């Protein structure tokens, strides 16, 4: 269970419009997306807004739900929808809710470099 990042309905892809919620039916298939490869990325915060929407699975796994087209994060090709945000500048955020992680990212100073350690969902198909 600690390896599960999030679950989707009826798709093996990290499709954030298909996240498991209360809408499950008897004919639905549930796909569990588990932790895959780790990656580190350093980013210069050039804008106040990074262009991310963050959500969590309710058990300490904040992940990227959307990336706004044309945003700073969209230009950083290593960062993808579905990536779990594990650390921000070396601070472990694995036990934080999505709104806490979003606030930490928002509070980073413009013009400064910051480092994210991410875990991407394992690619199974």
N, C-alpha and C. Protein backbone atom coordinates (compact mmCIF):
# COMPACT_ATOMS: atom_id res chain seq x y z
N UNK A 1 0.80 -1.23 0.00
CA UNK A 1 0.00 0.00 0.00
C UNK A 1 0.84 1.28 0.00
N UNK A 2 2.01 1.27 0.64
CA UNK A 2 2.84 2.47 0.68
C UNK A 2 3.40 2.83 -0.69
N UNK A 3 3.40 1.89 -1.62
CA UNK A 3 3.92 2.13 -2.96
C UNK A 3 2.87 2.72 -3.91
N UNK A 4 1.59 2.69 -3.50
CA UNK A 4 0.52 3.20 -4.37
C UNK A 4 0.48 4.72 -4.27
N UNK A 5 0.61 5.37 -5.43
CA UNK A 5 0.56 6.83 -5.50
C UNK A 5 -0.88 7.32 -5.66
N UNK A 6 -1.61 6.71 -6.60
CA UNK A 6 -3.01 7.06 -6.85
C UNK A 6 -3.62 5.96 -7.69
N UNK A 7 -4.95 5.99 -7.83
CA UNK A 7 -5.66 5.00 -8.65
C UNK A 7 -6.51 5.72 -9.68
N UNK A 8 -6.63 5.09 -10.85
CA UNK A 8 -7.48 5.62 -11.90
C UNK A 8 -8.54 4.58 -12.27
N UNK A 9 -9.62 5.07 -12.84
CA UNK A 9 -10.71 4.20 -13.29
C UNK A 9 -10.61 3.97 -14.79
N UNK A 10 -10.59 2.71 -15.18
CA UNK A 10 -10.72 2.29 -16.57
C UNK A 10 -9.60 2.76 -17.50
N UNK A 11 -8.47 3.15 -16.97
CA UNK A 11 -7.31 3.50 -17.79
C UNK A 11 -6.03 3.24 -17.02
N UNK A 12 -5.04 2.71 -17.73
CA UNK A 12 -3.73 2.48 -17.12
C UNK A 12 -2.87 3.73 -17.19
N UNK A 13 -3.32 4.75 -17.89
CA UNK A 13 -2.56 5.99 -18.03
C UNK A 13 -2.77 6.88 -16.80
N UNK A 14 -1.80 7.76 -16.56
CA UNK A 14 -1.90 8.72 -15.46
C UNK A 14 -2.82 9.86 -15.89
N UNK A 15 -4.09 9.54 -16.09
CA UNK A 15 -5.09 10.48 -16.55
C UNK A 15 -5.81 11.06 -15.33
N UNK A 16 -5.53 12.31 -15.03
CA UNK A 16 -6.05 12.93 -13.82
C UNK A 16 -7.55 13.18 -13.89
N UNK A 17 -8.14 13.09 -15.07
CA UNK A 17 -9.60 13.20 -15.17
C UNK A 17 -10.27 11.89 -14.80
N UNK A 18 -9.48 10.83 -14.64
CA UNK A 18 -10.01 9.50 -14.32
C UNK A 18 -9.59 9.03 -12.93
N UNK A 19 -9.21 9.97 -12.05
CA UNK A 19 -8.82 9.59 -10.70
C UNK A 19 -9.97 8.90 -9.98
N UNK A 20 -9.62 7.90 -9.20
CA UNK A 20 -10.62 7.16 -8.43
C UNK A 20 -11.28 8.08 -7.41
N UNK A 21 -12.58 8.05 -7.40
CA UNK A 21 -13.36 8.84 -6.45
C UNK A 21 -14.61 8.08 -6.08
N UNK A 22 -15.67 8.78 -5.80
CA UNK A 22 -16.92 8.15 -5.39
C UNK A 22 -17.72 7.61 -6.57
N UNK A 23 -17.27 7.84 -7.79
CA UNK A 23 -18.04 7.50 -8.97
C UNK A 23 -17.82 6.08 -9.47
N UNK A 24 -17.30 5.18 -8.68
CA UNK A 24 -17.00 3.82 -9.12
C UNK A 24 -18.29 3.00 -9.28
N UNK A 25 -18.29 2.18 -10.34
CA UNK A 25 -19.43 1.30 -10.62
C UNK A 25 -18.99 -0.15 -10.68
N UNK A 26 -19.93 -1.04 -10.79
CA UNK A 26 -19.64 -2.47 -10.80
C UNK A 26 -18.85 -2.90 -12.03
N UNK A 27 -18.95 -2.19 -13.13
CA UNK A 27 -18.28 -2.55 -14.37
C UNK A 27 -16.91 -1.89 -14.51
N UNK A 28 -16.52 -1.06 -13.56
CA UNK A 28 -15.26 -0.33 -13.65
C UNK A 28 -14.06 -1.18 -13.26
N UNK A 29 -12.92 -0.86 -13.89
CA UNK A 29 -11.64 -1.43 -13.52
C UNK A 29 -10.84 -0.37 -12.78
N UNK A 30 -10.15 -0.78 -11.72
CA UNK A 30 -9.30 0.14 -10.96
C UNK A 30 -7.84 -0.19 -11.28
N UNK A 31 -7.09 0.84 -11.65
CA UNK A 31 -5.66 0.69 -11.92
C UNK A 31 -4.89 1.43 -10.83
N UNK A 32 -4.05 0.71 -10.11
CA UNK A 32 -3.20 1.31 -9.07
C UNK A 32 -1.89 1.72 -9.71
N UNK A 33 -1.54 2.98 -9.55
CA UNK A 33 -0.29 3.51 -10.09
C UNK A 33 0.72 3.53 -8.94
N UNK A 34 1.80 2.76 -9.11
CA UNK A 34 2.78 2.63 -8.04
C UNK A 34 4.04 3.43 -8.36
N UNK A 35 4.83 3.65 -7.33
CA UNK A 35 6.05 4.45 -7.46
C UNK A 35 7.03 3.78 -8.40
N UNK A 36 7.61 4.60 -9.26
CA UNK A 36 8.59 4.14 -10.23
C UNK A 36 9.93 4.82 -10.01
N UNK A 37 10.46 5.37 -11.09
CA UNK A 37 11.79 5.97 -11.09
C UNK A 37 11.82 7.31 -10.36
N UNK A 38 12.91 7.50 -9.61
CA UNK A 38 13.14 8.78 -8.93
C UNK A 38 13.86 9.73 -9.89
N UNK A 39 13.61 11.01 -9.70
CA UNK A 39 14.32 12.02 -10.50
C UNK A 39 14.45 13.30 -9.70
N UNK A 40 15.50 14.04 -10.00
CA UNK A 40 15.76 15.34 -9.37
C UNK A 40 15.79 16.40 -10.45
N UNK A 41 15.24 17.55 -10.13
CA UNK A 41 15.27 18.66 -11.08
C UNK A 41 15.49 19.97 -10.33
N UNK A 42 16.38 20.80 -10.87
CA UNK A 42 16.61 22.14 -10.32
C UNK A 42 15.97 23.15 -11.25
N UNK A 43 15.27 24.10 -10.64
CA UNK A 43 14.47 25.05 -11.40
C UNK A 43 14.75 26.46 -10.88
N UNK A 44 14.87 27.40 -11.80
CA UNK A 44 14.96 28.81 -11.44
C UNK A 44 13.53 29.36 -11.45
N UNK A 45 13.08 29.85 -10.31
CA UNK A 45 11.71 30.39 -10.21
C UNK A 45 11.71 31.80 -10.80
N UNK A 46 11.25 31.88 -12.05
CA UNK A 46 11.24 33.15 -12.76
C UNK A 46 9.89 33.85 -12.72
N UNK A 47 8.87 33.14 -12.26
CA UNK A 47 7.51 33.70 -12.18
C UNK A 47 6.95 33.43 -10.78
N UNK A 48 6.00 34.24 -10.37
CA UNK A 48 5.34 34.01 -9.08
C UNK A 48 4.53 32.71 -9.10
N UNK A 49 3.95 32.41 -10.26
CA UNK A 49 3.11 31.22 -10.41
C UNK A 49 3.89 30.18 -11.20
N UNK A 50 3.92 28.95 -10.68
CA UNK A 50 4.67 27.88 -11.35
C UNK A 50 3.85 27.18 -12.43
N UNK A 51 2.54 27.18 -12.31
CA UNK A 51 1.70 26.54 -13.31
C UNK A 51 1.36 25.10 -12.99
N UNK A 52 1.33 24.77 -11.70
CA UNK A 52 1.01 23.41 -11.27
C UNK A 52 -0.32 23.37 -10.52
N UNK A 53 -1.04 22.27 -10.68
CA UNK A 53 -2.14 21.93 -9.79
C UNK A 53 -1.71 20.67 -9.06
N UNK A 54 -1.79 20.70 -7.74
CA UNK A 54 -1.33 19.58 -6.92
C UNK A 54 -2.52 18.99 -6.19
N UNK A 55 -2.55 17.69 -6.09
CA UNK A 55 -3.57 16.99 -5.30
C UNK A 55 -2.85 15.93 -4.46
N UNK A 56 -3.58 15.18 -3.67
CA UNK A 56 -2.95 14.10 -2.91
C UNK A 56 -3.89 12.92 -2.80
N UNK A 57 -3.34 11.81 -2.36
CA UNK A 57 -4.15 10.60 -2.25
C UNK A 57 -4.74 10.42 -0.85
N UNK A 58 -4.53 11.41 0.02
CA UNK A 58 -5.09 11.35 1.37
C UNK A 58 -4.22 10.62 2.37
N UNK A 59 -3.13 10.01 1.90
CA UNK A 59 -2.24 9.28 2.81
C UNK A 59 -0.79 9.72 2.65
N UNK A 60 -0.58 11.00 2.43
CA UNK A 60 0.78 11.53 2.39
C UNK A 60 1.50 11.37 1.07
N UNK A 61 0.79 11.49 -0.02
CA UNK A 61 1.43 11.40 -1.34
C UNK A 61 0.86 12.52 -2.21
N UNK A 62 1.52 13.68 -2.18
CA UNK A 62 1.10 14.81 -3.02
C UNK A 62 1.69 14.60 -4.40
N UNK A 63 0.86 14.77 -5.43
CA UNK A 63 1.35 14.58 -6.78
C UNK A 63 0.77 15.64 -7.71
N UNK A 64 1.40 15.76 -8.88
CA UNK A 64 1.03 16.78 -9.85
C UNK A 64 -0.20 16.31 -10.63
N UNK A 65 -1.26 17.09 -10.52
CA UNK A 65 -2.51 16.75 -11.20
C UNK A 65 -2.59 17.39 -12.58
N UNK A 66 -2.11 18.62 -12.70
CA UNK A 66 -2.13 19.33 -13.98
C UNK A 66 -0.92 20.25 -14.08
N UNK A 67 -0.51 20.48 -15.32
CA UNK A 67 0.54 21.45 -15.62
C UNK A 67 -0.04 22.41 -16.66
N UNK A 68 -0.05 23.68 -16.32
CA UNK A 68 -0.63 24.68 -17.23
C UNK A 68 0.27 24.85 -18.45
N UNK A 69 -0.35 24.79 -19.61
CA UNK A 69 0.39 24.92 -20.87
C UNK A 69 1.08 26.28 -20.94
N UNK A 70 2.35 26.26 -21.32
CA UNK A 70 3.13 27.48 -21.46
C UNK A 70 3.73 27.99 -20.16
N UNK A 71 3.45 27.34 -19.03
CA UNK A 71 3.96 27.78 -17.73
C UNK A 71 5.42 27.39 -17.55
N UNK A 72 6.02 27.87 -16.48
CA UNK A 72 7.40 27.54 -16.14
C UNK A 72 7.56 26.02 -16.02
N UNK A 73 6.64 25.35 -15.36
CA UNK A 73 6.73 23.90 -15.19
C UNK A 73 6.50 23.15 -16.49
N UNK A 74 5.71 23.71 -17.39
CA UNK A 74 5.50 23.09 -18.70
C UNK A 74 6.80 23.12 -19.50
N UNK A 75 7.61 24.15 -19.31
CA UNK A 75 8.89 24.27 -20.00
C UNK A 75 9.95 23.34 -19.42
N UNK A 76 9.73 22.87 -18.19
CA UNK A 76 10.64 21.93 -17.54
C UNK A 76 10.15 20.53 -17.89
N UNK A 77 10.69 19.96 -18.94
CA UNK A 77 10.16 18.72 -19.52
C UNK A 77 10.32 17.49 -18.63
N UNK A 78 11.17 17.55 -17.60
CA UNK A 78 11.34 16.40 -16.71
C UNK A 78 10.17 16.23 -15.75
N UNK A 79 9.39 17.28 -15.56
CA UNK A 79 8.26 17.24 -14.63
C UNK A 79 7.01 16.87 -15.40
N UNK A 80 6.29 15.84 -14.90
CA UNK A 80 5.13 15.30 -15.62
C UNK A 80 3.92 15.18 -14.70
N UNK A 81 2.76 15.18 -15.31
CA UNK A 81 1.53 14.89 -14.60
C UNK A 81 1.66 13.49 -13.99
N UNK A 82 1.26 13.38 -12.73
CA UNK A 82 1.34 12.11 -12.02
C UNK A 82 2.56 11.98 -11.13
N UNK A 83 3.57 12.85 -11.30
CA UNK A 83 4.77 12.78 -10.47
C UNK A 83 4.45 13.10 -9.01
N UNK A 84 4.97 12.26 -8.11
CA UNK A 84 4.86 12.47 -6.67
C UNK A 84 5.97 13.43 -6.24
N UNK A 85 5.62 14.48 -5.52
CA UNK A 85 6.61 15.43 -5.01
C UNK A 85 7.07 14.91 -3.66
N UNK A 86 8.33 14.45 -3.63
CA UNK A 86 8.87 13.84 -2.42
C UNK A 86 9.59 14.85 -1.54
N UNK A 87 10.43 15.70 -2.15
CA UNK A 87 11.12 16.74 -1.37
C UNK A 87 11.15 18.06 -2.14
N UNK A 88 11.19 19.15 -1.37
CA UNK A 88 11.39 20.49 -1.90
C UNK A 88 12.62 21.04 -1.18
N UNK A 89 13.68 21.31 -1.93
CA UNK A 89 14.95 21.79 -1.35
C UNK A 89 15.42 20.91 -0.21
N UNK A 90 15.29 19.60 -0.39
CA UNK A 90 15.76 18.64 0.61
C UNK A 90 14.80 18.37 1.76
N UNK A 91 13.72 19.14 1.85
CA UNK A 91 12.74 18.93 2.93
C UNK A 91 11.71 17.90 2.47
N UNK A 92 11.59 16.82 3.22
CA UNK A 92 10.65 15.76 2.89
C UNK A 92 9.22 16.26 3.08
N UNK A 93 8.42 16.14 2.02
CA UNK A 93 7.02 16.58 2.08
C UNK A 93 6.07 15.40 1.86
N UNK A 94 6.58 14.18 2.06
CA UNK A 94 5.79 12.97 1.83
C UNK A 94 4.61 12.83 2.78
N UNK A 95 4.66 13.45 3.92
CA UNK A 95 3.55 13.36 4.87
C UNK A 95 2.66 14.61 4.85
N UNK A 96 2.88 15.48 3.87
CA UNK A 96 2.13 16.73 3.78
C UNK A 96 0.95 16.59 2.84
N UNK A 97 -0.10 17.33 3.12
CA UNK A 97 -1.26 17.39 2.22
C UNK A 97 -0.94 18.29 1.04
N UNK A 98 -1.75 18.19 0.00
CA UNK A 98 -1.48 18.93 -1.23
C UNK A 98 -1.45 20.44 -1.02
N UNK A 99 -2.30 20.97 -0.18
CA UNK A 99 -2.35 22.42 0.04
C UNK A 99 -1.09 22.90 0.77
N UNK A 100 -0.49 22.04 1.61
CA UNK A 100 0.76 22.41 2.29
C UNK A 100 1.91 22.44 1.29
N UNK A 101 1.96 21.46 0.40
CA UNK A 101 3.00 21.40 -0.63
C UNK A 101 2.85 22.60 -1.58
N UNK A 102 1.62 22.89 -1.98
CA UNK A 102 1.37 24.03 -2.87
C UNK A 102 1.82 25.34 -2.22
N UNK A 103 1.56 25.50 -0.93
CA UNK A 103 1.99 26.72 -0.22
C UNK A 103 3.51 26.82 -0.16
N UNK A 104 4.19 25.70 0.10
CA UNK A 104 5.66 25.70 0.13
C UNK A 104 6.22 26.14 -1.22
N UNK A 105 5.64 25.64 -2.30
CA UNK A 105 6.11 26.03 -3.64
C UNK A 105 5.81 27.49 -3.93
N UNK A 106 4.63 27.94 -3.53
CA UNK A 106 4.25 29.35 -3.74
C UNK A 106 5.15 30.29 -2.95
N UNK A 107 5.56 29.87 -1.75
CA UNK A 107 6.36 30.72 -0.88
C UNK A 107 7.84 30.79 -1.27
N UNK A 108 8.27 29.97 -2.23
CA UNK A 108 9.66 30.04 -2.69
C UNK A 108 9.90 31.40 -3.33
N UNK A 109 11.08 31.96 -3.10
CA UNK A 109 11.38 33.30 -3.60
C UNK A 109 11.58 33.31 -5.10
N UNK A 110 10.98 34.31 -5.75
CA UNK A 110 11.17 34.52 -7.18
C UNK A 110 12.63 34.90 -7.41
N UNK A 111 13.23 34.35 -8.46
CA UNK A 111 14.62 34.63 -8.77
C UNK A 111 15.60 33.65 -8.15
N UNK A 112 15.10 32.71 -7.36
CA UNK A 112 15.96 31.72 -6.68
C UNK A 112 15.82 30.35 -7.35
N UNK A 113 16.91 29.58 -7.26
CA UNK A 113 16.87 28.18 -7.71
C UNK A 113 16.24 27.34 -6.60
N UNK A 114 15.52 26.32 -6.99
CA UNK A 114 15.03 25.35 -6.01
C UNK A 114 15.11 23.96 -6.62
N UNK A 115 15.13 22.96 -5.75
CA UNK A 115 15.28 21.58 -6.20
C UNK A 115 14.08 20.75 -5.76
N UNK A 116 13.57 19.98 -6.70
CA UNK A 116 12.49 19.04 -6.42
C UNK A 116 13.01 17.62 -6.61
N UNK A 117 12.67 16.75 -5.68
CA UNK A 117 12.89 15.32 -5.87
C UNK A 117 11.51 14.72 -6.09
N UNK A 118 11.38 14.04 -7.22
CA UNK A 118 10.09 13.51 -7.66
C UNK A 118 10.18 12.00 -7.85
N UNK A 119 9.04 11.35 -7.80
CA UNK A 119 8.94 9.94 -8.12
C UNK A 119 7.84 9.83 -9.17
N UNK A 120 8.19 9.29 -10.33
CA UNK A 120 7.18 9.18 -11.39
C UNK A 120 6.44 7.86 -11.24
N UNK A 121 5.20 7.80 -11.72
CA UNK A 121 4.47 6.52 -11.68
C UNK A 121 5.16 5.50 -12.59
N UNK A 122 5.18 4.26 -12.15
CA UNK A 122 5.79 3.20 -12.95
C UNK A 122 4.98 3.03 -14.23
N UNK A 123 5.70 2.88 -15.31
CA UNK A 123 5.06 2.64 -16.61
C UNK A 123 4.93 1.14 -16.81
N UNK A 124 3.72 0.63 -16.83
CA UNK A 124 3.49 -0.81 -16.87
C UNK A 124 3.12 -1.32 -18.25
N UNK A 125 2.56 -0.47 -19.13
CA UNK A 125 2.11 -0.94 -20.43
C UNK A 125 2.93 -0.31 -21.52
